Amino acid sequence: MLAVNQREIVKWFPGSPATFHASTHHATFPFQGVPKATQNFPDLTTRLYQTDAFPCAIGEQSDLFRARGVNDEKGKVLALKTLRTGSSSNPTFFQELQQRLVALGDGWARLVHENIAPIYGVAYGCGRLPAIVMNYYPGSLISCMEQRHYSNEEKMNWVKEIASGMKYLHRQRLPVVHGDLRGSNIFLDATGRCQIADVGMVYLTHSPEFVAMQSAKTCRWTAPELMDPRAPTPTTPGPECTTRSDVFSFAMTVVEIFSENPPFKQNKNDTSVIFLIVKGERPELPQFVQESPILSKLIPACWAQEPFKRPTISYVCWKLGVTSNFRYVLEWVNLI
């Protein structure tokens, strides 16, 4: 499947390499002596033409620019997700960032599923830091719901697609943890199909240089064990996200979809939400979820206080009808 993606890259970016149409006032990246790309996560700098002089969207740790292939002005619109960070006292921070980005990007580019936003490579020169090359989506689930009405049937289909994408991640040989699942990181493609983006991005932006620019609002989707000050001190660097914390975020995302509001909407203070979640409080279930024989039991199970009491995403897919009884049994006994 990966080879197909690589052929598509060549198709989208035809012609001989040309100078990347972007700001070049920072010539720091890519650093010599540090991997700048891989076969799966190629350097697409000379094959892209940036079409936005200024960001078309601003995220918590990145700016988004649109781009097209060189000599392909009417072709596929791509997105350049340009990392953004503050200053660092660590003299090797940027070299380490490039190394970490390429290592993670190589893994991201291998993920091929109809509900996972594909990653095509990296580009340098778009901004101060490297840019991740991905598909451009006009809006997230949240912005789409702000623009038009969606039926509960359509939303239920989103829930199934999100669960399917998350099962694909969690059932990799080495399970892939998303770490920041919520409506603003899920997009709709041209066919209306959910695309889960920013998979594993927390493992790239967990350093203090990025944390200073994060918003506390993400706590509304965060599992209690990740925010509890009484939790044991991590033994390894980086976030302590797990597949079980992803399941918790999935439950909060379902509430967000059917209520069309962030969890705990009535609580404006994000810090107070942290204390509520750590204490075991949960948002009110939207009416459709309450009246659903499946969701009314499944969502409370997914946001259980203790991680080991939460179901696996495979179980979630089975209860939602995404996975057949036979296939779920095979997954449960690890035969597939």
C-alpha atoms as a PDB file:
ATOM      1  CA  MET A   1       0.000   0.000   0.000  1.00  0.00           C
ATOM      2  CA  LEU A   2       2.869   2.324   0.789  1.00  0.00           C
ATOM      3  CA  ALA A   3       4.237   1.968  -2.728  1.00  0.00           C
ATOM      4  CA  VAL A   4       0.928   3.310  -4.031  1.00  0.00           C
ATOM      5  CA  ASN A   5       1.353   6.423  -1.926  1.00  0.00           C
ATOM      6  CA  GLN A   6       4.846   6.960  -3.305  1.00  0.00           C
ATOM      7  CA  ARG A   7       3.623   6.644  -6.879  1.00  0.00           C
ATOM      8  CA  GLU A   8       0.891   9.161  -6.118  1.00  0.00           C
ATOM      9  CA  ILE A   9       3.493  11.581  -4.796  1.00  0.00           C
ATOM     10  CA  VAL A  10       5.370  11.419  -8.094  1.00  0.00           C
ATOM     11  CA  LYS A  11       2.084  11.885  -9.983  1.00  0.00           C
ATOM     12  CA  TRP A  12       1.120  14.949  -7.939  1.00  0.00           C
ATOM     13  CA  PHE A  13       4.555  16.608  -8.152  1.00  0.00           C
ATOM     14  CA  PRO A  14       5.630  16.164 -11.798  1.00  0.00           C
ATOM     15  CA  GLY A  15       8.479  17.931 -13.543  1.00  0.00           C
ATOM     16  CA  SER A  16      12.021  18.681 -12.536  1.00  0.00           C
ATOM     17  CA  PRO A  17      12.792  19.920  -9.024  1.00  0.00           C
ATOM     18  CA  ALA A  18      12.369  23.642  -8.481  1.00  0.00           C
ATOM     19  CA  THR A  19      13.093  26.027  -5.642  1.00  0.00           C
ATOM     20  CA  PHE A  20      10.536  25.751  -2.845  1.00  0.00           C
ATOM     21  CA  HIS A  21       8.293  28.791  -3.031  1.00  0.00           C
ATOM     22  CA  ALA A  22       8.512  29.878   0.589  1.00  0.00           C
ATOM     23  CA  SER A  23      10.360  31.957   3.092  1.00  0.00           C
ATOM     24  CA  THR A  24      14.044  31.057   3.284  1.00  0.00           C
ATOM     25  CA  HIS A  25      15.125  33.530   5.970  1.00  0.00           C
ATOM     26  CA  HIS A  26      16.010  30.550   8.212  1.00  0.00           C
ATOM     27  CA  ALA A  27      18.549  28.297   6.495  1.00  0.00           C
ATOM     28  CA  THR A  28      19.052  26.191   9.625  1.00  0.00           C
ATOM     29  CA  PHE A  29      16.985  23.214   8.505  1.00  0.00           C
ATOM     30  CA  PRO A  30      17.738  20.595   7.413  1.00  0.00           C
ATOM     31  CA  PHE A  31      20.755  20.003   9.618  1.00  0.00           C
ATOM     32  CA  GLN A  32      23.672  18.106   8.180  1.00  0.00           C
ATOM     33  CA  GLY A  33      24.636  14.886   9.909  1.00  0.00           C
ATOM     34  CA  VAL A  34      21.028  14.296  10.986  1.00  0.00           C
ATOM     35  CA  PRO A  35      18.522  12.280   8.899  1.00  0.00           C
ATOM     36  CA  LYS A  36      16.305  14.689   6.990  1.00  0.00           C
ATOM     37  CA  ALA A  37      14.008  12.135   5.328  1.00  0.00           C
ATOM     38  CA  THR A  38      13.460   8.434   4.677  1.00  0.00           C
ATOM     39  CA  GLN A  39      12.168   6.425   1.751  1.00  0.00           C
ATOM     40  CA  ASN A  40       8.730   6.324   3.375  1.00  0.00           C
ATOM     41  CA  PHE A  41       8.881   9.933   4.608  1.00  0.00           C
ATOM     42  CA  PRO A  42      10.614  11.724   1.693  1.00  0.00           C
ATOM     43  CA  ASP A  43      11.858  15.285   1.454  1.00  0.00           C
ATOM     44  CA  LEU A  44       9.332  16.969  -0.887  1.00  0.00           C
ATOM     45  CA  THR A  45      10.758  20.483  -0.604  1.00  0.00           C
ATOM     46  CA  THR A  46      11.734  20.863  -4.251  1.00  0.00           C
ATOM     47  CA  ARG A  47       8.506  19.317  -5.530  1.00  0.00           C
ATOM     48  CA  LEU A  48       6.126  21.735  -3.806  1.00  0.00           C
ATOM     49  CA  TYR A  49       4.845  25.206  -4.522  1.00  0.00           C
ATOM     50  CA  GLN A  50       3.455  27.048  -1.508  1.00  0.00           C
ATOM     51  CA  THR A  51       0.319  29.006  -2.417  1.00  0.00           C
ATOM     52  CA  ASP A  52      -0.280  30.840   0.879  1.00  0.00           C
ATOM     53  CA  ALA A  53       1.888  33.762   1.931  1.00  0.00           C
ATOM     54  CA  PHE A  54       0.355  33.594   5.401  1.00  0.00           C
ATOM     55  CA  PRO A  55      -1.092  30.655   7.357  1.00  0.00           C
ATOM     56  CA  CYS A  56      -4.585  29.623   6.276  1.00  0.00           C
ATOM     57  CA  ALA A  57      -5.081  28.103   9.732  1.00  0.00           C
ATOM     58  CA  ILE A  58      -3.287  28.320  13.078  1.00  0.00           C
ATOM     59  CA  GLY A  59      -3.077  25.387  15.463  1.00  0.00           C
ATOM     60  CA  GLU A  60      -1.720  25.011  18.959  1.00  0.00           C
ATOM     61  CA  GLN A  61       1.760  23.924  17.881  1.00  0.00           C
ATOM     62  CA  SER A  62       1.709  24.536  14.130  1.00  0.00           C
ATOM     63  CA  ASP A  63       0.711  26.815  11.279  1.00  0.00           C
ATOM     64  CA  LEU A  64      -0.997  25.495   8.148  1.00  0.00           C
ATOM     65  CA  PHE A  65      -0.120  26.579   4.605  1.00  0.00           C
ATOM     66  CA  ARG A  66      -1.564  25.240   1.363  1.00  0.00           C
ATOM     67  CA  ALA A  67       0.629  23.962  -1.448  1.00  0.00           C
ATOM     68  CA  ARG A  68       0.509  22.283  -4.845  1.00  0.00           C
ATOM     69  CA  GLY A  69       2.947  20.310  -6.910  1.00  0.00           C
ATOM     70  CA  VAL A  70       5.441  22.199  -9.082  1.00  0.00           C
ATOM     71  CA  ASN A  71       4.001  22.710 -12.599  1.00  0.00           C
ATOM     72  CA  ASP A  72       0.658  21.455 -11.277  1.00  0.00           C
ATOM     73  CA  GLU A  73      -1.165  24.664 -10.330  1.00  0.00           C
ATOM     74  CA  LYS A  74      -4.625  23.135 -10.778  1.00  0.00           C
ATOM     75  CA  GLY A  75      -3.791  19.805  -9.143  1.00  0.00           C
ATOM     76  CA  LYS A  76      -4.347  18.373  -5.705  1.00  0.00           C
ATOM     77  CA  VAL A  77      -4.207  20.858  -2.814  1.00  0.00           C
ATOM     78  CA  LEU A  78      -1.917  19.720  -0.019  1.00  0.00           C
ATOM     79  CA  ALA A  79      -1.269  21.095   3.436  1.00  0.00           C
ATOM     80  CA  LEU A  80       2.063  22.070   4.948  1.00  0.00           C
ATOM     81  CA  LYS A  81       1.725  21.612   8.693  1.00  0.00           C
ATOM     82  CA  THR A  82       4.605  23.792   9.843  1.00  0.00           C
ATOM     83  CA  LEU A  83       5.783  23.201  13.388  1.00  0.00           C
ATOM     84  CA  ARG A  84       5.972  26.195  15.679  1.00  0.00           C
ATOM     85  CA  THR A  85       7.929  26.540  18.894  1.00  0.00           C
ATOM     86  CA  GLY A  86       9.473  29.115  21.160  1.00  0.00           C
ATOM     87  CA  SER A  87      13.112  29.583  22.068  1.00  0.00           C
ATOM     88  CA  SER A  88      15.217  26.857  23.623  1.00  0.00           C
ATOM     89  CA  SER A  89      18.233  26.880  25.894  1.00  0.00           C
ATOM     90  CA  ASN A  90      19.124  23.403  24.636  1.00  0.00           C
ATOM     91  CA  PRO A  91      21.832  23.916  21.969  1.00  0.00           C
ATOM     92  CA  THR A  92      20.908  20.645  20.236  1.00  0.00           C
ATOM     93  CA  PHE A  93      17.127  21.010  20.455  1.00  0.00           C
ATOM     94  CA  PHE A  94      16.579  21.657  16.734  1.00  0.00           C
ATOM     95  CA  GLN A  95      18.844  18.810  15.625  1.00  0.00           C
ATOM     96  CA  GLU A  96      17.018  16.482  18.038  1.00  0.00           C
ATOM     97  CA  LEU A  97      13.678  17.778  16.745  1.00  0.00           C
ATOM     98  CA  GLN A  98      14.622  16.987  13.146  1.00  0.00           C
ATOM     99  CA  GLN A  99      15.782  13.526  14.136  1.00  0.00           C
ATOM    100  CA  ARG A 100      12.604  12.843  16.124  1.00  0.00           C
ATOM    101  CA  LEU A 101      10.355  14.203  13.356  1.00  0.00           C
ATOM    102  CA  VAL A 102      11.922  11.993  10.697  1.00  0.00           C
ATOM    103  CA  ALA A 103      11.772   8.908  12.919  1.00  0.00           C
ATOM    104  CA  LEU A 104       8.105   9.504  13.800  1.00  0.00           C
ATOM    105  CA  GLY A 105       7.237  10.599  10.261  1.00  0.00           C
ATOM    106  CA  ASP A 106       8.596   7.354   8.843  1.00  0.00           C
ATOM    107  CA  GLY A 107       6.100   5.499  11.022  1.00  0.00           C
ATOM    108  CA  TRP A 108       3.215   7.872  10.248  1.00  0.00           C
ATOM    109  CA  ALA A 109       3.759   7.490   6.503  1.00  0.00           C
ATOM    110  CA  ARG A 110       3.351   3.716   6.817  1.00  0.00           C
ATOM    111  CA  LEU A 111      -0.183   4.053   8.201  1.00  0.00           C
ATOM    112  CA  VAL A 112      -2.669   3.348   5.422  1.00  0.00           C
ATOM    113  CA  HIS A 113      -6.366   3.233   6.324  1.00  0.00           C
ATOM    114  CA  GLU A 114      -9.444   4.889   4.869  1.00  0.00           C
ATOM    115  CA  ASN A 115     -10.074   6.792   8.122  1.00  0.00           C
ATOM    116  CA  ILE A 116      -6.490   7.867   8.864  1.00  0.00           C
ATOM    117  CA  ALA A 117      -5.255  11.085   7.228  1.00  0.00           C
ATOM    118  CA  PRO A 118      -2.232  10.080   5.116  1.00  0.00           C
ATOM    119  CA  ILE A 119       1.203  11.639   5.597  1.00  0.00           C
ATOM    120  CA  TYR A 120       3.308  12.072   2.444  1.00  0.00           C
ATOM    121  CA  GLY A 121       6.611  13.504   3.619  1.00  0.00           C
ATOM    122  CA  VAL A 122       8.435  16.548   4.939  1.00  0.00           C
ATOM    123  CA  ALA A 123       9.284  19.968   3.500  1.00  0.00           C
ATOM    124  CA  TYR A 124      11.893  22.473   4.624  1.00  0.00           C
ATOM    125  CA  GLY A 125      11.851  26.246   4.200  1.00  0.00           C
ATOM    126  CA  CYS A 126       8.144  26.893   4.699  1.00  0.00           C
ATOM    127  CA  GLY A 127       8.820  28.441   8.101  1.00  0.00           C
ATOM    128  CA  ARG A 128      11.320  28.376  10.874  1.00  0.00           C
ATOM    129  CA  LEU A 129      10.773  24.656  11.458  1.00  0.00           C
ATOM    130  CA  PRO A 130      10.066  21.747   9.086  1.00  0.00           C
ATOM    131  CA  ALA A 131       6.589  21.105   7.679  1.00  0.00           C
ATOM    132  CA  ILE A 132       4.698  17.825   7.528  1.00  0.00           C
ATOM    133  CA  VAL A 133       3.084  17.292   4.110  1.00  0.00           C
ATOM    134  CA  MET A 134      -0.471  15.957   4.243  1.00  0.00           C
ATOM    135  CA  ASN A 135      -3.841  16.352   2.556  1.00  0.00           C
ATOM    136  CA  TYR A 136      -5.603  19.672   2.888  1.00  0.00           C
ATOM    137  CA  TYR A 137      -9.070  19.527   4.429  1.00  0.00           C
ATOM    138  CA  PRO A 138     -11.197  22.710   4.500  1.00  0.00           C
ATOM    139  CA  GLY A 139     -12.504  22.049   8.010  1.00  0.00           C
ATOM    140  CA  SER A 140     -12.623  19.734  10.998  1.00  0.00           C
ATOM    141  CA  LEU A 141     -15.739  17.931  12.210  1.00  0.00           C
ATOM    142  CA  ILE A 142     -16.327  20.829  14.578  1.00  0.00           C
ATOM    143  CA  SER A 143     -16.178  23.546  11.932  1.00  0.00           C
ATOM    144  CA  CYS A 144     -18.312  21.420   9.587  1.00  0.00           C
ATOM    145  CA  MET A 145     -21.030  21.141  12.234  1.00  0.00           C
ATOM    146  CA  GLU A 146     -20.909  24.902  12.683  1.00  0.00           C
ATOM    147  CA  GLN A 147     -21.623  25.398   8.977  1.00  0.00           C
ATOM    148  CA  ARG A 148     -24.534  22.990   8.447  1.00  0.00           C
ATOM    149  CA  HIS A 149     -26.851  20.553  10.181  1.00  0.00           C
ATOM    150  CA  TYR A 150     -25.937  16.869  10.325  1.00  0.00           C
ATOM    151  CA  SER A 151     -28.414  14.172  11.275  1.00  0.00           C
ATOM    152  CA  ASN A 152     -27.814  11.784  14.155  1.00  0.00           C
ATOM    153  CA  GLU A 153     -27.516   9.017  11.569  1.00  0.00           C
ATOM    154  CA  GLU A 154     -24.635  10.852   9.889  1.00  0.00           C
ATOM    155  CA  LYS A 155     -22.989  11.474  13.257  1.00  0.00           C
ATOM    156  CA  MET A 156     -23.358   7.807  14.189  1.00  0.00           C
ATOM    157  CA  ASN A 157     -21.573   6.917  10.977  1.00  0.00           C
ATOM    158  CA  TRP A 158     -18.740   9.270  11.990  1.00  0.00           C
ATOM    159  CA  VAL A 159     -18.500   7.501  15.351  1.00  0.00           C
ATOM    160  CA  LYS A 160     -18.158   4.145  13.584  1.00  0.00           C
ATOM    161  CA  GLU A 161     -15.515   5.482  11.197  1.00  0.00           C
ATOM    162  CA  ILE A 162     -13.515   7.019  14.050  1.00  0.00           C
ATOM    163  CA  ALA A 163     -13.674   3.746  15.963  1.00  0.00           C
ATOM    164  CA  SER A 164     -12.560   1.858  12.850  1.00  0.00           C
ATOM    165  CA  GLY A 165      -9.579   4.161  12.345  1.00  0.00           C
ATOM    166  CA  MET A 166      -8.580   3.922  15.993  1.00  0.00           C
ATOM    167  CA  LYS A 167      -8.814   0.115  15.892  1.00  0.00           C
ATOM    168  CA  TYR A 168      -6.428   0.123  12.937  1.00  0.00           C
ATOM    169  CA  LEU A 169      -3.931   2.139  14.992  1.00  0.00           C
ATOM    170  CA  HIS A 170      -4.269   0.105  18.167  1.00  0.00           C
ATOM    171  CA  ARG A 171      -3.985  -3.239  16.368  1.00  0.00           C
ATOM    172  CA  GLN A 172      -0.663  -2.511  14.716  1.00  0.00           C
ATOM    173  CA  ARG A 173       2.093  -4.970  15.639  1.00  0.00           C
ATOM    174  CA  LEU A 174       3.377  -2.217  17.907  1.00  0.00           C
ATOM    175  CA  PRO A 175       0.146  -0.406  18.891  1.00  0.00           C
ATOM    176  CA  VAL A 176       0.021   3.200  17.705  1.00  0.00           C
ATOM    177  CA  VAL A 177      -1.394   5.606  20.279  1.00  0.00           C
ATOM    178  CA  HIS A 178      -3.030   8.789  18.990  1.00  0.00           C
ATOM    179  CA  GLY A 179      -2.654  10.783  22.202  1.00  0.00           C
ATOM    180  CA  ASP A 180      -4.888  13.727  21.273  1.00  0.00           C
ATOM    181  CA  LEU A 181      -8.140  12.414  19.831  1.00  0.00           C
ATOM    182  CA  ARG A 182     -10.887  15.058  19.637  1.00  0.00           C
ATOM    183  CA  GLY A 183     -13.179  16.645  17.096  1.00  0.00           C
ATOM    184  CA  SER A 184     -10.734  19.339  15.995  1.00  0.00           C
ATOM    185  CA  ASN A 185      -8.251  16.638  14.931  1.00  0.00           C
ATOM    186  CA  ILE A 186     -10.784  14.788  12.781  1.00  0.00           C
ATOM    187  CA  PHE A 187     -11.628  16.014   9.286  1.00  0.00           C
ATOM    188  CA  LEU A 188     -14.042  15.175   6.483  1.00  0.00           C
ATOM    189  CA  ASP A 189     -12.661  14.393   3.037  1.00  0.00           C
ATOM    190  CA  ALA A 190     -14.401  15.210  -0.238  1.00  0.00           C
ATOM    191  CA  THR A 191     -16.585  12.117   0.071  1.00  0.00           C
ATOM    192  CA  GLY A 192     -17.665  12.969   3.632  1.00  0.00           C
ATOM    193  CA  ARG A 193     -15.510  10.271   5.203  1.00  0.00           C
ATOM    194  CA  CYS A 194     -13.781  10.884   8.550  1.00  0.00           C
ATOM    195  CA  GLN A 195     -10.013  11.371   8.487  1.00  0.00           C
ATOM    196  CA  ILE A 196      -8.199  11.152  11.821  1.00  0.00           C
ATOM    197  CA  ALA A 197      -5.218  13.504  11.815  1.00  0.00           C
ATOM    198  CA  ASP A 198      -2.317  14.359  14.134  1.00  0.00           C
ATOM    199  CA  VAL A 199      -1.736  10.716  15.042  1.00  0.00           C
ATOM    200  CA  GLY A 200       1.059  10.576  17.613  1.00  0.00           C
ATOM    201  CA  MET A 201       1.814  14.283  17.277  1.00  0.00           C
ATOM    202  CA  VAL A 202       2.036  14.540  21.087  1.00  0.00           C
ATOM    203  CA  TYR A 203       5.230  12.493  20.944  1.00  0.00           C
ATOM    204  CA  LEU A 204       6.816  15.194  18.806  1.00  0.00           C
ATOM    205  CA  THR A 205       5.542  18.226  20.716  1.00  0.00           C
ATOM    206  CA  HIS A 206       5.870  17.044  24.318  1.00  0.00           C
ATOM    207  CA  SER A 207       9.045  19.041  25.030  1.00  0.00           C
ATOM    208  CA  PRO A 208       8.831  22.263  27.105  1.00  0.00           C
ATOM    209  CA  GLU A 209       9.465  24.357  23.986  1.00  0.00           C
ATOM    210  CA  PHE A 210       6.092  23.217  22.654  1.00  0.00           C
ATOM    211  CA  VAL A 211       4.215  22.825  25.935  1.00  0.00           C
ATOM    212  CA  ALA A 212       4.458  26.572  26.551  1.00  0.00           C
ATOM    213  CA  MET A 213       2.270  27.122  23.481  1.00  0.00           C
ATOM    214  CA  GLN A 214      -0.353  24.460  24.207  1.00  0.00           C
ATOM    215  CA  SER A 215      -3.866  25.276  25.295  1.00  0.00           C
ATOM    216  CA  ALA A 216      -5.303  23.805  28.500  1.00  0.00           C
ATOM    217  CA  LYS A 217      -8.601  23.150  26.727  1.00  0.00           C
ATOM    218  CA  THR A 218      -7.348  19.720  25.592  1.00  0.00           C
ATOM    219  CA  CYS A 219      -7.857  18.554  29.180  1.00  0.00           C
ATOM    220  CA  ARG A 220     -11.559  18.063  28.376  1.00  0.00           C
ATOM    221  CA  TRP A 221     -10.674  14.961  26.320  1.00  0.00           C
ATOM    222  CA  THR A 222      -7.789  13.786  28.507  1.00  0.00           C
ATOM    223  CA  ALA A 223      -7.963  10.662  30.681  1.00  0.00           C
ATOM    224  CA  PRO A 224      -7.711  11.272  34.450  1.00  0.00           C
ATOM    225  CA  GLU A 225      -4.562   9.195  34.924  1.00  0.00           C
ATOM    226  CA  LEU A 226      -2.705  11.616  32.636  1.00  0.00           C
ATOM    227  CA  MET A 227      -3.656  14.639  34.753  1.00  0.00           C
ATOM    228  CA  ASP A 228      -3.716  13.254  38.307  1.00  0.00           C
ATOM    229  CA  PRO A 229      -0.903  14.861  40.357  1.00  0.00           C
ATOM    230  CA  ARG A 230      -0.957  11.764  42.585  1.00  0.00           C
ATOM    231  CA  ALA A 231       0.004   9.504  39.671  1.00  0.00           C
ATOM    232  CA  PRO A 232       3.480   7.915  39.826  1.00  0.00           C
ATOM    233  CA  THR A 233       6.297   9.907  38.254  1.00  0.00           C
ATOM    234  CA  PRO A 234       6.873   8.742  34.652  1.00  0.00           C
ATOM    235  CA  THR A 235       9.926   6.526  34.247  1.00  0.00           C
ATOM    236  CA  THR A 236      10.405   7.428  30.593  1.00  0.00           C
ATOM    237  CA  PRO A 237      10.441  10.810  28.843  1.00  0.00           C
ATOM    238  CA  GLY A 238       7.421  11.929  26.866  1.00  0.00           C
ATOM    239  CA  PRO A 239       3.660  11.640  27.392  1.00  0.00           C
ATOM    240  CA  GLU A 240       2.234   8.604  29.179  1.00  0.00           C
ATOM    241  CA  CYS A 241      -0.641   8.152  26.709  1.00  0.00           C
ATOM    242  CA  THR A 242      -1.928   4.607  26.163  1.00  0.00           C
ATOM    243  CA  THR A 243      -4.521   2.831  24.070  1.00  0.00           C
ATOM    244  CA  ARG A 244      -6.803   3.000  27.135  1.00  0.00           C
ATOM    245  CA  SER A 245      -6.415   6.777  27.396  1.00  0.00           C
ATOM    246  CA  ASP A 246      -7.298   6.926  23.681  1.00  0.00           C
ATOM    247  CA  VAL A 247     -10.529   5.043  24.475  1.00  0.00           C
ATOM    248  CA  PHE A 248     -11.346   7.674  27.108  1.00  0.00           C
ATOM    249  CA  SER A 249     -10.780  10.430  24.527  1.00  0.00           C
ATOM    250  CA  PHE A 250     -12.969   8.545  22.073  1.00  0.00           C
ATOM    251  CA  ALA A 251     -15.851   8.646  24.582  1.00  0.00           C
ATOM    252  CA  MET A 252     -15.431  12.390  25.074  1.00  0.00           C
ATOM    253  CA  THR A 253     -15.317  12.860  21.302  1.00  0.00           C
ATOM    254  CA  VAL A 254     -18.636  11.023  20.920  1.00  0.00           C
ATOM    255  CA  VAL A 255     -20.161  13.396  23.480  1.00  0.00           C
ATOM    256  CA  GLU A 256     -18.658  16.328  21.562  1.00  0.00           C
ATOM    257  CA  ILE A 257     -20.135  15.118  18.260  1.00  0.00           C
ATOM    258  CA  PHE A 258     -23.689  14.582  19.475  1.00  0.00           C
ATOM    259  CA  SER A 259     -23.807  17.682  21.693  1.00  0.00           C
ATOM    260  CA  GLU A 260     -21.939  19.829  19.135  1.00  0.00           C
ATOM    261  CA  ASN A 261     -20.069  21.323  22.062  1.00  0.00           C
ATOM    262  CA  PRO A 262     -16.872  20.522  23.945  1.00  0.00           C
ATOM    263  CA  PRO A 263     -17.285  18.281  27.001  1.00  0.00           C
ATOM    264  CA  PHE A 264     -18.252  20.194  30.170  1.00  0.00           C
ATOM    265  CA  LYS A 265     -19.446  23.141  28.085  1.00  0.00           C
ATOM    266  CA  GLN A 266     -21.020  24.752  31.162  1.00  0.00           C
ATOM    267  CA  ASN A 267     -17.581  24.929  32.835  1.00  0.00           C
ATOM    268  CA  LYS A 268     -15.662  27.781  31.227  1.00  0.00           C
ATOM    269  CA  ASN A 269     -12.573  27.289  33.377  1.00  0.00           C
ATOM    270  CA  ASP A 270     -10.316  24.548  32.011  1.00  0.00           C
ATOM    271  CA  THR A 271      -8.544  24.077  35.337  1.00  0.00           C
ATOM    272  CA  SER A 272     -11.824  23.270  37.050  1.00  0.00           C
ATOM    273  CA  VAL A 273     -12.497  20.644  34.381  1.00  0.00           C
ATOM    274  CA  ILE A 274      -9.216  18.928  35.234  1.00  0.00           C
ATOM    275  CA  PHE A 275     -10.291  18.578  38.865  1.00  0.00           C
ATOM    276  CA  LEU A 276     -13.733  17.316  37.830  1.00  0.00           C
ATOM    277  CA  ILE A 277     -12.307  14.576  35.598  1.00  0.00           C
ATOM    278  CA  VAL A 278      -9.702  13.516  38.162  1.00  0.00           C
ATOM    279  CA  LYS A 279     -12.483  13.291  40.798  1.00  0.00           C
ATOM    280  CA  GLY A 280     -14.524  11.031  38.519  1.00  0.00           C
ATOM    281  CA  GLU A 281     -17.069  13.557  37.226  1.00  0.00           C
ATOM    282  CA  ARG A 282     -18.202  13.225  33.616  1.00  0.00           C
ATOM    283  CA  PRO A 283     -20.232  15.442  31.249  1.00  0.00           C
ATOM    284  CA  GLU A 284     -23.926  14.850  30.745  1.00  0.00           C
ATOM    285  CA  LEU A 285     -24.700  12.422  27.950  1.00  0.00           C
ATOM    286  CA  PRO A 286     -26.421  14.051  24.941  1.00  0.00           C
ATOM    287  CA  GLN A 287     -30.048  12.990  24.471  1.00  0.00           C
ATOM    288  CA  PHE A 288     -29.317  10.752  21.474  1.00  0.00           C
ATOM    289  CA  VAL A 289     -26.607   8.923  23.432  1.00  0.00           C
ATOM    290  CA  GLN A 290     -28.920   8.503  26.434  1.00  0.00           C
ATOM    291  CA  GLU A 291     -31.637   7.001  24.239  1.00  0.00           C
ATOM    292  CA  SER A 292     -29.288   4.703  22.331  1.00  0.00           C
ATOM    293  CA  PRO A 293     -29.291   1.144  23.763  1.00  0.00           C
ATOM    294  CA  ILE A 294     -25.664   0.724  22.689  1.00  0.00           C
ATOM    295  CA  LEU A 295     -24.080   4.147  23.282  1.00  0.00           C
ATOM    296  CA  SER A 296     -25.790   4.717  26.627  1.00  0.00           C
ATOM    297  CA  LYS A 297     -23.813   1.787  28.071  1.00  0.00           C
ATOM    298  CA  LEU A 298     -20.717   1.903  25.872  1.00  0.00           C
ATOM    299  CA  ILE A 299     -19.692   5.525  26.471  1.00  0.00           C
ATOM    300  CA  PRO A 300     -19.746   5.311  30.316  1.00  0.00           C
ATOM    301  CA  ALA A 301     -17.660   2.144  30.032  1.00  0.00           C
ATOM    302  CA  CYS A 302     -15.138   3.920  27.789  1.00  0.00           C
ATOM    303  CA  TRP A 303     -14.611   6.769  30.240  1.00  0.00           C
ATOM    304  CA  ALA A 304     -14.276   4.589  33.347  1.00  0.00           C
ATOM    305  CA  GLN A 305     -11.987   6.127  35.949  1.00  0.00           C
ATOM    306  CA  GLU A 306      -9.639   3.138  36.052  1.00  0.00           C
ATOM    307  CA  PRO A 307      -7.893   2.497  32.714  1.00  0.00           C
ATOM    308  CA  PHE A 308      -8.068  -1.300  33.035  1.00  0.00           C
ATOM    309  CA  LYS A 309     -11.873  -1.096  33.315  1.00  0.00           C
ATOM    310  CA  ARG A 310     -12.206   0.542  29.898  1.00  0.00           C
ATOM    311  CA  PRO A 311     -12.925  -1.710  26.919  1.00  0.00           C
ATOM    312  CA  THR A 312     -10.534  -2.093  24.040  1.00  0.00           C
ATOM    313  CA  ILE A 313     -11.313  -0.252  20.821  1.00  0.00           C
ATOM    314  CA  SER A 314     -11.833  -3.698  19.223  1.00  0.00           C
ATOM    315  CA  TYR A 315     -14.670  -4.298  21.680  1.00  0.00           C
ATOM    316  CA  VAL A 316     -16.061  -0.840  20.872  1.00  0.00           C
ATOM    317  CA  CYS A 317     -16.069  -1.651  17.149  1.00  0.00           C
ATOM    318  CA  TRP A 318     -17.842  -4.947  17.848  1.00  0.00           C
ATOM    319  CA  LYS A 319     -20.559  -3.270  19.924  1.00  0.00           C
ATOM    320  CA  LEU A 320     -21.021  -0.621  17.223  1.00  0.00           C
ATOM    321  CA  GLY A 321     -21.448  -3.271  14.538  1.00  0.00           C
ATOM    322  CA  VAL A 322     -18.236  -2.301  12.754  1.00  0.00           C
ATOM    323  CA  THR A 323     -16.720  -5.736  13.468  1.00  0.00           C
ATOM    324  CA  SER A 324     -18.553  -9.040  13.003  1.00  0.00           C
ATOM    325  CA  ASN A 325     -18.935 -11.521  15.863  1.00  0.00           C
ATOM    326  CA  PHE A 326     -16.580 -13.986  14.176  1.00  0.00           C
ATOM    327  CA  ARG A 327     -13.868 -11.416  13.499  1.00  0.00           C
ATOM    328  CA  TYR A 328     -14.086 -10.032  17.031  1.00  0.00           C
ATOM    329  CA  VAL A 329     -13.533 -13.509  18.478  1.00  0.00           C
ATOM    330  CA  LEU A 330     -10.462 -13.931  16.262  1.00  0.00           C
ATOM    331  CA  GLU A 331      -9.158 -10.534  17.397  1.00  0.00           C
ATOM    332  CA  TRP A 332      -9.878 -11.349  21.022  1.00  0.00           C
ATOM    333  CA  VAL A 333      -7.761 -14.519  20.902  1.00  0.00           C
ATOM    334  CA  ASN A 334      -5.095 -12.732  18.815  1.00  0.00           C
ATOM    335  CA  LEU A 335      -5.479 -14.957  15.759  1.00  0.00           C
ATOM    336  CA  ILE A 336      -5.609 -11.921  13.463  1.00  0.00           C
END
